[in-house]
Amino acid sequence: MPIPFAICRDGEPVPESLKGAVAAIGNFDGVHRGHRHLLTVALNSGRPAAVVTFEPHPRSFFQPDQPLFRLTPEPVKLAIFARLGLAGVFQRRFDGSLAALTAAGFVDLLAKDLELSGVVIGHDFHFGRAREGNPERMMELCRERGLDCLVAPAIVEGTEPVSSSAIRTALEAGDIATANRLLGYRWFVRSEVRHGDKRGRVLGYPTANMRLPDDCRLRHGIYAVRASVGGTLVDGVASFGRRPTFDNGAPLLEVHLFDFAGDLYGQVLDVEFIGWIRGEERFDGIEALIAQMDRDSVEAKRMLAEDKTVSMVG
């Protein structure tokens, strides 16, 4: 029987299932292919495999006036960790106290407070006050405290390391194919379906309307998507943007699901992005808009039929 996924936050005792764990350490925004290489090392250690990660993202702590486009907000990131077969996650609050820890103090936290037996870090990992620690220092401090320490190399795509920044750049350009290739799975968002103006019903394209986080910088446009409804993935087409033909309002994700009829209001959906179809446009009339929506649906179905990417939605 599999061990339940455990989440250990600040001030909570270490669950028995996580004592003596080997933990990969990092922010893991996106849980992309490079991140999962670290996780695989932990999973292959022969001991419980876990993650040490931080909320809020350290960049948000140090630069609060510069919103960070989070690829995987906390609930999404935790869901991916659980799906990958980890025993659990140690989630530390990133605040002034944690930022002020010396490199040695940070490793003491890992060894004493979290009761780890080993850590896995990336080749460019820095830690401790003013980023004073590096992989060599981590190995030294772990050796002194009886912890195993493994340093994983970068995962490279072409000539560049796979990175969260590269994935953000791809999504901002609407380049879903590149983003999904770097992630190693279909990028997805999670949000609650809200009541809208019901305009889609009039157009013949009823939609599930969802607000995405304010920091989301996904390019406005039309996408081929899949949404998880009651545990089943349903194909669809979606618009993300301001609806220039109608109101130019706040950005909204509007998802039309093919061959689906049902009440989704109040449900939380995971929506996977499969492919970019076109940018957002303003149409002079409803007939022109509907004709384009018909063409978008045909293109979305073609993309979905050809899609071979991996899903992280369970």
C-alpha atoms as a PDB file:
ATOM      1  CA  MET A   1       0.000   0.000   0.000  1.00  0.00           C
ATOM      2  CA  PRO A   2       1.548   3.356  -1.021  1.00  0.00           C
ATOM      3  CA  ILE A   3       2.550   5.818   1.705  1.00  0.00           C
ATOM      4  CA  PRO A   4       0.298   8.910   1.720  1.00  0.00           C
ATOM      5  CA  PHE A   5       1.885  12.112   0.446  1.00  0.00           C
ATOM      6  CA  ALA A   6       2.865  14.229   3.468  1.00  0.00           C
ATOM      7  CA  ILE A   7       3.200  18.014   3.684  1.00  0.00           C
ATOM      8  CA  CYS A   8       5.294  19.369   6.555  1.00  0.00           C
ATOM      9  CA  ARG A   9       5.112  23.143   7.053  1.00  0.00           C
ATOM     10  CA  ASP A  10       6.872  25.428   9.526  1.00  0.00           C
ATOM     11  CA  GLY A  11       6.289  24.523  13.167  1.00  0.00           C
ATOM     12  CA  GLU A  12       4.892  21.086  12.394  1.00  0.00           C
ATOM     13  CA  PRO A  13       6.602  17.889  13.591  1.00  0.00           C
ATOM     14  CA  VAL A  14       8.304  15.783  10.953  1.00  0.00           C
ATOM     15  CA  PRO A  15       5.943  12.959   9.917  1.00  0.00           C
ATOM     16  CA  GLU A  16       7.291   9.461  10.507  1.00  0.00           C
ATOM     17  CA  SER A  17       7.127   8.836   6.750  1.00  0.00           C
ATOM     18  CA  LEU A  18       9.605  11.687   6.119  1.00  0.00           C
ATOM     19  CA  LYS A  19      12.145  10.999   8.845  1.00  0.00           C
ATOM     20  CA  GLY A  20      15.510  10.158   7.324  1.00  0.00           C
ATOM     21  CA  ALA A  21      14.392  11.299   3.890  1.00  0.00           C
ATOM     22  CA  VAL A  22      16.626  12.347   1.029  1.00  0.00           C
ATOM     23  CA  ALA A  23      15.317  15.694  -0.167  1.00  0.00           C
ATOM     24  CA  ALA A  24      15.835  17.674  -3.348  1.00  0.00           C
ATOM     25  CA  ILE A  25      16.102  21.383  -2.503  1.00  0.00           C
ATOM     26  CA  GLY A  26      14.869  24.300  -4.581  1.00  0.00           C
ATOM     27  CA  ASN A  27      11.994  26.517  -5.631  1.00  0.00           C
ATOM     28  CA  PHE A  28      10.886  24.095  -8.363  1.00  0.00           C
ATOM     29  CA  ASP A  29       8.643  26.599 -10.151  1.00  0.00           C
ATOM     30  CA  GLY A  30       7.344  24.596 -13.090  1.00  0.00           C
ATOM     31  CA  VAL A  31       8.729  21.249 -11.851  1.00  0.00           C
ATOM     32  CA  HIS A  32      10.369  21.059 -15.266  1.00  0.00           C
ATOM     33  CA  ARG A  33      12.701  18.428 -16.730  1.00  0.00           C
ATOM     34  CA  GLY A  34      15.724  19.822 -14.908  1.00  0.00           C
ATOM     35  CA  HIS A  35      13.893  19.817 -11.602  1.00  0.00           C
ATOM     36  CA  ARG A  36      12.657  16.273 -12.143  1.00  0.00           C
ATOM     37  CA  HIS A  37      16.210  15.089 -12.679  1.00  0.00           C
ATOM     38  CA  LEU A  38      16.909  16.122  -9.063  1.00  0.00           C
ATOM     39  CA  LEU A  39      13.734  14.406  -7.929  1.00  0.00           C
ATOM     40  CA  THR A  40      14.696  11.205  -9.752  1.00  0.00           C
ATOM     41  CA  VAL A  41      18.029  11.145  -7.913  1.00  0.00           C
ATOM     42  CA  ALA A  42      16.147  11.409  -4.600  1.00  0.00           C
ATOM     43  CA  LEU A  43      13.645   8.750  -5.670  1.00  0.00           C
ATOM     44  CA  ASN A  44      16.487   6.362  -6.518  1.00  0.00           C
ATOM     45  CA  SER A  45      18.236   6.829  -3.157  1.00  0.00           C
ATOM     46  CA  GLY A  46      16.587   3.863  -1.489  1.00  0.00           C
ATOM     47  CA  ARG A  47      15.207   6.135   1.227  1.00  0.00           C
ATOM     48  CA  PRO A  48      12.009   8.202   1.435  1.00  0.00           C
ATOM     49  CA  ALA A  49      12.206  10.884  -1.259  1.00  0.00           C
ATOM     50  CA  ALA A  50      11.068  14.401  -0.478  1.00  0.00           C
ATOM     51  CA  VAL A  51      11.410  18.028  -1.518  1.00  0.00           C
ATOM     52  CA  VAL A  52      12.422  21.097   0.462  1.00  0.00           C
ATOM     53  CA  THR A  53      10.809  24.129  -1.119  1.00  0.00           C
ATOM     54  CA  PHE A  54       9.803  27.655  -0.161  1.00  0.00           C
ATOM     55  CA  GLU A  55       6.718  29.907  -0.079  1.00  0.00           C
ATOM     56  CA  PRO A  56       6.506  32.619  -1.091  1.00  0.00           C
ATOM     57  CA  HIS A  57       9.024  32.317  -3.896  1.00  0.00           C
ATOM     58  CA  PRO A  58      12.256  33.960  -2.629  1.00  0.00           C
ATOM     59  CA  ARG A  59      12.237  36.369  -5.561  1.00  0.00           C
ATOM     60  CA  SER A  60       8.854  37.654  -4.383  1.00  0.00           C
ATOM     61  CA  PHE A  61      10.335  38.226  -0.924  1.00  0.00           C
ATOM     62  CA  PHE A  62      13.377  40.117  -2.167  1.00  0.00           C
ATOM     63  CA  GLN A  63      11.580  41.984  -4.991  1.00  0.00           C
ATOM     64  CA  PRO A  64       7.961  42.423  -3.828  1.00  0.00           C
ATOM     65  CA  ASP A  65       7.356  45.233  -6.323  1.00  0.00           C
ATOM     66  CA  GLN A  66       8.164  42.965  -9.290  1.00  0.00           C
ATOM     67  CA  PRO A  67       5.420  40.327  -9.674  1.00  0.00           C
ATOM     68  CA  LEU A  68       6.774  36.925 -10.666  1.00  0.00           C
ATOM     69  CA  PHE A  69       4.915  34.875 -13.290  1.00  0.00           C
ATOM     70  CA  ARG A  70       4.518  31.642 -11.339  1.00  0.00           C
ATOM     71  CA  LEU A  71       4.423  28.628 -13.638  1.00  0.00           C
ATOM     72  CA  THR A  72       3.082  26.437 -10.842  1.00  0.00           C
ATOM     73  CA  PRO A  73       1.413  28.244  -7.935  1.00  0.00           C
ATOM     74  CA  GLU A  74       1.589  26.365  -4.639  1.00  0.00           C
ATOM     75  CA  PRO A  75      -1.467  24.055  -5.079  1.00  0.00           C
ATOM     76  CA  VAL A  76      -0.388  23.049  -8.592  1.00  0.00           C
ATOM     77  CA  LYS A  77       3.206  22.415  -7.553  1.00  0.00           C
ATOM     78  CA  LEU A  78       2.139  20.227  -4.626  1.00  0.00           C
ATOM     79  CA  ALA A  79      -0.178  18.244  -6.908  1.00  0.00           C
ATOM     80  CA  ILE A  80       2.692  17.539  -9.309  1.00  0.00           C
ATOM     81  CA  PHE A  81       4.993  16.478  -6.471  1.00  0.00           C
ATOM     82  CA  ALA A  82       2.373  14.018  -5.235  1.00  0.00           C
ATOM     83  CA  ARG A  83       1.866  12.633  -8.740  1.00  0.00           C
ATOM     84  CA  LEU A  84       5.598  11.981  -9.147  1.00  0.00           C
ATOM     85  CA  GLY A  85       5.626   9.479  -6.284  1.00  0.00           C
ATOM     86  CA  LEU A  86       7.448  11.482  -3.624  1.00  0.00           C
ATOM     87  CA  ALA A  87       6.839  10.677   0.026  1.00  0.00           C
ATOM     88  CA  GLY A  88       6.198  14.340   0.734  1.00  0.00           C
ATOM     89  CA  VAL A  89       7.379  17.918   0.855  1.00  0.00           C
ATOM     90  CA  PHE A  90       8.928  20.175   3.485  1.00  0.00           C
ATOM     91  CA  GLN A  91       7.545  23.620   2.767  1.00  0.00           C
ATOM     92  CA  ARG A  92       9.424  26.398   4.548  1.00  0.00           C
ATOM     93  CA  ARG A  93       8.117  29.941   4.842  1.00  0.00           C
ATOM     94  CA  PHE A  94      10.598  32.269   3.149  1.00  0.00           C
ATOM     95  CA  ASP A  95      10.796  35.307   5.388  1.00  0.00           C
ATOM     96  CA  GLY A  96      13.395  37.537   6.978  1.00  0.00           C
ATOM     97  CA  SER A  97      14.448  34.860   9.451  1.00  0.00           C
ATOM     98  CA  LEU A  98      15.119  32.269   6.792  1.00  0.00           C
ATOM     99  CA  ALA A  99      16.846  34.815   4.540  1.00  0.00           C
ATOM    100  CA  ALA A 100      19.181  35.723   7.426  1.00  0.00           C
ATOM    101  CA  LEU A 101      20.354  32.149   8.074  1.00  0.00           C
ATOM    102  CA  THR A 102      24.015  31.538   7.377  1.00  0.00           C
ATOM    103  CA  ALA A 103      24.950  28.681   5.078  1.00  0.00           C
ATOM    104  CA  ALA A 104      25.848  26.597   8.127  1.00  0.00           C
ATOM    105  CA  GLY A 105      22.579  27.519   9.835  1.00  0.00           C
ATOM    106  CA  PHE A 106      20.606  26.441   6.785  1.00  0.00           C
ATOM    107  CA  VAL A 107      22.255  23.017   6.750  1.00  0.00           C
ATOM    108  CA  ASP A 108      21.613  22.696  10.489  1.00  0.00           C
ATOM    109  CA  LEU A 109      17.923  23.238   9.708  1.00  0.00           C
ATOM    110  CA  LEU A 110      18.053  20.403   7.175  1.00  0.00           C
ATOM    111  CA  ALA A 111      19.828  18.003   9.513  1.00  0.00           C
ATOM    112  CA  LYS A 112      18.193  18.816  12.849  1.00  0.00           C
ATOM    113  CA  ASP A 113      14.781  20.359  12.211  1.00  0.00           C
ATOM    114  CA  LEU A 114      13.877  18.330   9.118  1.00  0.00           C
ATOM    115  CA  GLU A 115      15.785  15.190  10.168  1.00  0.00           C
ATOM    116  CA  LEU A 116      17.046  14.528   6.650  1.00  0.00           C
ATOM    117  CA  SER A 117      19.644  11.879   5.834  1.00  0.00           C
ATOM    118  CA  GLY A 118      20.695  13.432   2.557  1.00  0.00           C
ATOM    119  CA  VAL A 119      20.101  16.232   0.061  1.00  0.00           C
ATOM    120  CA  VAL A 120      20.123  16.642  -3.712  1.00  0.00           C
ATOM    121  CA  ILE A 121      20.916  20.043  -5.199  1.00  0.00           C
ATOM    122  CA  GLY A 122      21.477  21.525  -8.634  1.00  0.00           C
ATOM    123  CA  HIS A 123      24.873  22.461 -10.021  1.00  0.00           C
ATOM    124  CA  ASP A 124      24.134  26.183  -9.551  1.00  0.00           C
ATOM    125  CA  PHE A 125      22.438  26.020  -6.138  1.00  0.00           C
ATOM    126  CA  HIS A 126      23.193  28.910  -3.762  1.00  0.00           C
ATOM    127  CA  PHE A 127      21.924  29.191  -0.213  1.00  0.00           C
ATOM    128  CA  GLY A 128      22.364  31.024   3.068  1.00  0.00           C
ATOM    129  CA  ARG A 129      22.590  34.709   3.856  1.00  0.00           C
ATOM    130  CA  ALA A 130      23.538  36.767   0.777  1.00  0.00           C
ATOM    131  CA  ARG A 131      23.787  33.484  -1.194  1.00  0.00           C
ATOM    132  CA  GLU A 132      27.069  32.735   0.533  1.00  0.00           C
ATOM    133  CA  GLY A 133      26.772  28.973   0.046  1.00  0.00           C
ATOM    134  CA  ASN A 134      27.429  27.061  -3.192  1.00  0.00           C
ATOM    135  CA  PRO A 135      27.473  23.335  -4.059  1.00  0.00           C
ATOM    136  CA  GLU A 136      31.030  22.875  -2.796  1.00  0.00           C
ATOM    137  CA  ARG A 137      30.139  24.511   0.535  1.00  0.00           C
ATOM    138  CA  MET A 138      26.969  22.386   0.772  1.00  0.00           C
ATOM    139  CA  MET A 139      28.993  19.209   0.327  1.00  0.00           C
ATOM    140  CA  GLU A 140      31.438  20.316   3.031  1.00  0.00           C
ATOM    141  CA  LEU A 141      28.725  21.264   5.530  1.00  0.00           C
ATOM    142  CA  CYS A 142      26.755  18.080   4.877  1.00  0.00           C
ATOM    143  CA  ARG A 143      29.858  15.944   5.369  1.00  0.00           C
ATOM    144  CA  GLU A 144      30.447  17.596   8.753  1.00  0.00           C
ATOM    145  CA  ARG A 145      26.852  16.791   9.798  1.00  0.00           C
ATOM    146  CA  GLY A 146      26.697  13.255   8.451  1.00  0.00           C
ATOM    147  CA  LEU A 147      24.405  14.040   5.536  1.00  0.00           C
ATOM    148  CA  ASP A 148      24.801  12.660   2.045  1.00  0.00           C
ATOM    149  CA  CYS A 149      24.973  15.341  -0.621  1.00  0.00           C
ATOM    150  CA  LEU A 150      24.524  14.788  -4.338  1.00  0.00           C
ATOM    151  CA  VAL A 151      24.970  17.543  -6.933  1.00  0.00           C
ATOM    152  CA  ALA A 152      22.982  16.999 -10.121  1.00  0.00           C
ATOM    153  CA  PRO A 153      24.212  18.420 -13.455  1.00  0.00           C
ATOM    154  CA  ALA A 154      22.155  20.766 -15.624  1.00  0.00           C
ATOM    155  CA  ILE A 155      19.692  19.339 -18.133  1.00  0.00           C
ATOM    156  CA  VAL A 156      20.389  21.034 -21.454  1.00  0.00           C
ATOM    157  CA  GLU A 157      18.039  21.730 -24.368  1.00  0.00           C
ATOM    158  CA  GLY A 158      20.218  22.505 -27.373  1.00  0.00           C
ATOM    159  CA  THR A 159      22.938  24.684 -25.879  1.00  0.00           C
ATOM    160  CA  GLU A 160      20.910  26.179 -23.015  1.00  0.00           C
ATOM    161  CA  PRO A 161      19.988  24.678 -19.625  1.00  0.00           C
ATOM    162  CA  VAL A 162      16.312  23.922 -19.118  1.00  0.00           C
ATOM    163  CA  SER A 163      15.065  26.714 -16.842  1.00  0.00           C
ATOM    164  CA  SER A 164      11.905  28.258 -15.437  1.00  0.00           C
ATOM    165  CA  SER A 165      12.883  31.559 -17.060  1.00  0.00           C
ATOM    166  CA  ALA A 166      13.017  29.975 -20.518  1.00  0.00           C
ATOM    167  CA  ILE A 167       9.577  28.449 -19.985  1.00  0.00           C
ATOM    168  CA  ARG A 168       8.112  31.780 -18.847  1.00  0.00           C
ATOM    169  CA  THR A 169       9.536  33.417 -21.974  1.00  0.00           C
ATOM    170  CA  ALA A 170       7.941  30.747 -24.177  1.00  0.00           C
ATOM    171  CA  LEU A 171       4.521  31.137 -22.551  1.00  0.00           C
ATOM    172  CA  GLU A 172       4.689  34.914 -22.832  1.00  0.00           C
ATOM    173  CA  ALA A 173       5.195  34.392 -26.585  1.00  0.00           C
ATOM    174  CA  GLY A 174       2.372  31.845 -26.829  1.00  0.00           C
ATOM    175  CA  ASP A 175       4.933  29.175 -27.708  1.00  0.00           C
ATOM    176  CA  ILE A 176       3.174  26.270 -26.019  1.00  0.00           C
ATOM    177  CA  ALA A 177       5.179  23.647 -27.918  1.00  0.00           C
ATOM    178  CA  THR A 178       8.491  24.913 -26.519  1.00  0.00           C
ATOM    179  CA  ALA A 179       7.104  25.413 -23.015  1.00  0.00           C
ATOM    180  CA  ASN A 180       5.707  21.882 -22.911  1.00  0.00           C
ATOM    181  CA  ARG A 181       8.924  20.409 -24.310  1.00  0.00           C
ATOM    182  CA  LEU A 182      10.998  22.110 -21.610  1.00  0.00           C
ATOM    183  CA  LEU A 183       8.521  21.153 -18.910  1.00  0.00           C
ATOM    184  CA  GLY A 184       8.260  17.559 -20.094  1.00  0.00           C
ATOM    185  CA  TYR A 185       4.488  17.688 -19.686  1.00  0.00           C
ATOM    186  CA  ARG A 186       1.526  19.872 -20.679  1.00  0.00           C
ATOM    187  CA  TRP A 187       1.535  23.160 -18.800  1.00  0.00           C
ATOM    188  CA  PHE A 188      -1.729  23.574 -16.934  1.00  0.00           C
ATOM    189  CA  VAL A 189      -3.587  26.052 -14.790  1.00  0.00           C
ATOM    190  CA  ARG A 190      -6.035  25.437 -11.946  1.00  0.00           C
ATOM    191  CA  SER A 191      -8.971  27.736 -11.259  1.00  0.00           C
ATOM    192  CA  GLU A 192     -12.612  27.812 -10.225  1.00  0.00           C
ATOM    193  CA  VAL A 193     -15.326  28.133 -12.855  1.00  0.00           C
ATOM    194  CA  ARG A 194     -17.244  31.375 -12.352  1.00  0.00           C
ATOM    195  CA  HIS A 195     -20.471  32.787 -13.687  1.00  0.00           C
ATOM    196  CA  GLY A 196     -19.964  35.044 -16.685  1.00  0.00           C
ATOM    197  CA  ASP A 197     -22.185  37.008 -19.025  1.00  0.00           C
ATOM    198  CA  LYS A 198     -23.367  33.796 -20.795  1.00  0.00           C
ATOM    199  CA  ARG A 199     -22.378  35.311 -24.144  1.00  0.00           C
ATOM    200  CA  GLY A 200     -20.835  32.033 -25.297  1.00  0.00           C
ATOM    201  CA  ARG A 201     -24.210  30.316 -25.242  1.00  0.00           C
ATOM    202  CA  VAL A 202     -25.599  32.900 -27.649  1.00  0.00           C
ATOM    203  CA  LEU A 203     -22.631  32.351 -29.972  1.00  0.00           C
ATOM    204  CA  GLY A 204     -23.062  28.591 -29.876  1.00  0.00           C
ATOM    205  CA  TYR A 205     -19.873  28.156 -27.844  1.00  0.00           C
ATOM    206  CA  PRO A 206     -20.740  27.926 -24.125  1.00  0.00           C
ATOM    207  CA  THR A 207     -17.634  28.405 -21.999  1.00  0.00           C
ATOM    208  CA  ALA A 208     -16.293  27.709 -18.537  1.00  0.00           C
ATOM    209  CA  ASN A 209     -14.930  31.058 -17.352  1.00  0.00           C
ATOM    210  CA  MET A 210     -11.915  31.231 -15.058  1.00  0.00           C
ATOM    211  CA  ARG A 211      -9.683  33.956 -13.641  1.00  0.00           C
ATOM    212  CA  LEU A 212      -5.957  33.254 -13.711  1.00  0.00           C
ATOM    213  CA  PRO A 213      -3.527  34.814 -11.210  1.00  0.00           C
ATOM    214  CA  ASP A 214      -2.723  38.465 -11.766  1.00  0.00           C
ATOM    215  CA  ASP A 215       0.918  37.550 -12.357  1.00  0.00           C
ATOM    216  CA  CYS A 216       0.057  35.242 -15.284  1.00  0.00           C
ATOM    217  CA  ARG A 217       1.724  36.574 -18.418  1.00  0.00           C
ATOM    218  CA  LEU A 218       0.515  33.937 -20.860  1.00  0.00           C
ATOM    219  CA  ARG A 219       0.099  35.546 -24.276  1.00  0.00           C
ATOM    220  CA  HIS A 220      -3.464  36.555 -25.042  1.00  0.00           C
ATOM    221  CA  GLY A 221      -4.917  34.382 -27.746  1.00  0.00           C
ATOM    222  CA  ILE A 222      -6.674  31.167 -28.718  1.00  0.00           C
ATOM    223  CA  TYR A 223      -5.400  27.749 -27.629  1.00  0.00           C
ATOM    224  CA  ALA A 224      -6.114  24.054 -28.016  1.00  0.00           C
ATOM    225  CA  VAL A 225      -6.691  22.712 -24.500  1.00  0.00           C
ATOM    226  CA  ARG A 226      -7.794  19.784 -22.398  1.00  0.00           C
ATOM    227  CA  ALA A 227      -9.651  20.139 -19.114  1.00  0.00           C
ATOM    228  CA  SER A 228      -9.973  17.606 -16.328  1.00  0.00           C
ATOM    229  CA  VAL A 229     -13.674  17.158 -15.538  1.00  0.00           C
ATOM    230  CA  GLY A 230     -14.471  14.600 -12.868  1.00  0.00           C
ATOM    231  CA  GLY A 231     -11.146  12.875 -13.471  1.00  0.00           C
ATOM    232  CA  THR A 232     -11.634  12.691 -17.253  1.00  0.00           C
ATOM    233  CA  LEU A 233      -9.718  14.836 -19.734  1.00  0.00           C
ATOM    234  CA  VAL A 234     -12.055  16.591 -22.166  1.00  0.00           C
ATOM    235  CA  ASP A 235     -10.803  18.235 -25.373  1.00  0.00           C
ATOM    236  CA  GLY A 236     -11.571  21.865 -26.010  1.00  0.00           C
ATOM    237  CA  VAL A 237     -10.586  25.257 -27.322  1.00  0.00           C
ATOM    238  CA  ALA A 238      -9.927  28.285 -25.125  1.00  0.00           C
ATOM    239  CA  SER A 239      -9.523  32.025 -25.315  1.00  0.00           C
ATOM    240  CA  PHE A 240      -7.343  33.890 -22.864  1.00  0.00           C
ATOM    241  CA  GLY A 241      -7.547  37.651 -23.028  1.00  0.00           C
ATOM    242  CA  ARG A 242      -9.675  40.779 -22.782  1.00  0.00           C
ATOM    243  CA  ARG A 243     -12.414  40.058 -25.384  1.00  0.00           C
ATOM    244  CA  PRO A 244     -11.741  43.103 -27.628  1.00  0.00           C
ATOM    245  CA  THR A 245     -14.856  42.463 -29.723  1.00  0.00           C
ATOM    246  CA  PHE A 246     -17.019  43.030 -26.651  1.00  0.00           C
ATOM    247  CA  ASP A 247     -15.663  44.734 -23.524  1.00  0.00           C
ATOM    248  CA  ASN A 248     -11.836  44.792 -23.404  1.00  0.00           C
ATOM    249  CA  GLY A 249     -12.170  43.831 -19.755  1.00  0.00           C
ATOM    250  CA  ALA A 250      -9.895  42.059 -17.293  1.00  0.00           C
ATOM    251  CA  PRO A 251      -8.090  38.993 -18.667  1.00  0.00           C
ATOM    252  CA  LEU A 252     -10.255  35.887 -18.527  1.00  0.00           C
ATOM    253  CA  LEU A 253      -9.761  32.262 -19.546  1.00  0.00           C
ATOM    254  CA  GLU A 254     -12.830  31.021 -21.421  1.00  0.00           C
ATOM    255  CA  VAL A 255     -12.837  27.292 -22.168  1.00  0.00           C
ATOM    256  CA  HIS A 256     -15.241  25.644 -24.601  1.00  0.00           C
ATOM    257  CA  LEU A 257     -15.297  21.861 -24.194  1.00  0.00           C
ATOM    258  CA  PHE A 258     -16.165  19.705 -27.191  1.00  0.00           C
ATOM    259  CA  ASP A 259     -18.911  17.097 -26.785  1.00  0.00           C
ATOM    260  CA  PHE A 260     -19.638  18.120 -23.212  1.00  0.00           C
ATOM    261  CA  ALA A 261     -22.823  19.265 -21.530  1.00  0.00           C
ATOM    262  CA  GLY A 262     -23.032  19.901 -17.818  1.00  0.00           C
ATOM    263  CA  ASP A 263     -22.930  22.444 -15.021  1.00  0.00           C
ATOM    264  CA  LEU A 264     -19.344  23.314 -14.077  1.00  0.00           C
ATOM    265  CA  TYR A 265     -20.037  26.396 -11.945  1.00  0.00           C
ATOM    266  CA  GLY A 266     -18.095  26.299  -8.704  1.00  0.00           C
ATOM    267  CA  GLN A 267     -15.895  23.415  -9.808  1.00  0.00           C
ATOM    268  CA  VAL A 268     -12.115  23.734  -9.821  1.00  0.00           C
ATOM    269  CA  LEU A 269     -10.712  22.650 -13.171  1.00  0.00           C
ATOM    270  CA  ASP A 270      -7.214  21.839 -14.344  1.00  0.00           C
ATOM    271  CA  VAL A 271      -6.821  23.124 -17.899  1.00  0.00           C
ATOM    272  CA  GLU A 272      -3.881  21.871 -19.960  1.00  0.00           C
ATOM    273  CA  PHE A 273      -2.530  23.898 -22.863  1.00  0.00           C
ATOM    274  CA  ILE A 274      -1.750  21.864 -25.974  1.00  0.00           C
ATOM    275  CA  GLY A 275      -1.100  24.372 -28.726  1.00  0.00           C
ATOM    276  CA  TRP A 276      -1.248  28.007 -29.875  1.00  0.00           C
ATOM    277  CA  ILE A 277      -3.808  28.772 -32.596  1.00  0.00           C
ATOM    278  CA  ARG A 278      -3.787  32.562 -33.072  1.00  0.00           C
ATOM    279  CA  GLY A 279      -3.613  35.886 -31.309  1.00  0.00           C
ATOM    280  CA  GLU A 280      -6.582  37.724 -29.871  1.00  0.00           C
ATOM    281  CA  GLU A 281      -8.477  39.796 -32.457  1.00  0.00           C
ATOM    282  CA  ARG A 282     -11.308  42.288 -32.646  1.00  0.00           C
ATOM    283  CA  PHE A 283     -14.109  41.390 -35.085  1.00  0.00           C
ATOM    284  CA  ASP A 284     -16.535  43.830 -36.712  1.00  0.00           C
ATOM    285  CA  GLY A 285     -19.546  41.597 -36.208  1.00  0.00           C
ATOM    286  CA  ILE A 286     -20.841  38.462 -34.525  1.00  0.00           C
ATOM    287  CA  GLU A 287     -21.031  36.483 -37.766  1.00  0.00           C
ATOM    288  CA  ALA A 288     -17.350  37.050 -38.493  1.00  0.00           C
ATOM    289  CA  LEU A 289     -16.469  36.057 -34.937  1.00  0.00           C
ATOM    290  CA  ILE A 290     -18.508  32.836 -35.098  1.00  0.00           C
ATOM    291  CA  ALA A 291     -16.963  31.894 -38.447  1.00  0.00           C
ATOM    292  CA  GLN A 292     -13.482  32.320 -36.938  1.00  0.00           C
ATOM    293  CA  MET A 293     -14.470  30.325 -33.849  1.00  0.00           C
ATOM    294  CA  ASP A 294     -15.568  27.514 -36.155  1.00  0.00           C
ATOM    295  CA  ARG A 295     -12.143  27.554 -37.812  1.00  0.00           C
ATOM    296  CA  ASP A 296     -10.417  27.688 -34.412  1.00  0.00           C
ATOM    297  CA  SER A 297     -12.327  24.603 -33.301  1.00  0.00           C
ATOM    298  CA  VAL A 298     -11.260  22.663 -36.379  1.00  0.00           C
ATOM    299  CA  GLU A 299      -7.622  23.628 -35.785  1.00  0.00           C
ATOM    300  CA  ALA A 300      -7.844  22.778 -32.080  1.00  0.00           C
ATOM    301  CA  LYS A 301      -9.214  19.310 -32.861  1.00  0.00           C
ATOM    302  CA  ARG A 302      -6.371  18.737 -35.325  1.00  0.00           C
ATOM    303  CA  MET A 303      -3.770  19.738 -32.708  1.00  0.00           C
ATOM    304  CA  LEU A 304      -5.379  17.590 -30.044  1.00  0.00           C
ATOM    305  CA  ALA A 305      -5.507  14.550 -32.324  1.00  0.00           C
ATOM    306  CA  GLU A 306      -1.773  14.878 -33.042  1.00  0.00           C
ATOM    307  CA  ASP A 307      -0.690  15.666 -29.468  1.00  0.00           C
ATOM    308  CA  LYS A 308       1.764  13.204 -27.907  1.00  0.00           C
ATOM    309  CA  THR A 309       2.799  15.155 -24.804  1.00  0.00           C
ATOM    310  CA  VAL A 310       2.542  13.848 -21.249  1.00  0.00           C
ATOM    311  CA  SER A 311      -0.191  14.862 -18.816  1.00  0.00           C
ATOM    312  CA  MET A 312       0.428  15.744 -15.168  1.00  0.00           C
ATOM    313  CA  VAL A 313      -3.270  16.059 -14.442  1.00  0.00           C
ATOM    314  CA  GLY A 314      -4.523  13.080 -12.481  1.00  0.00           C
END
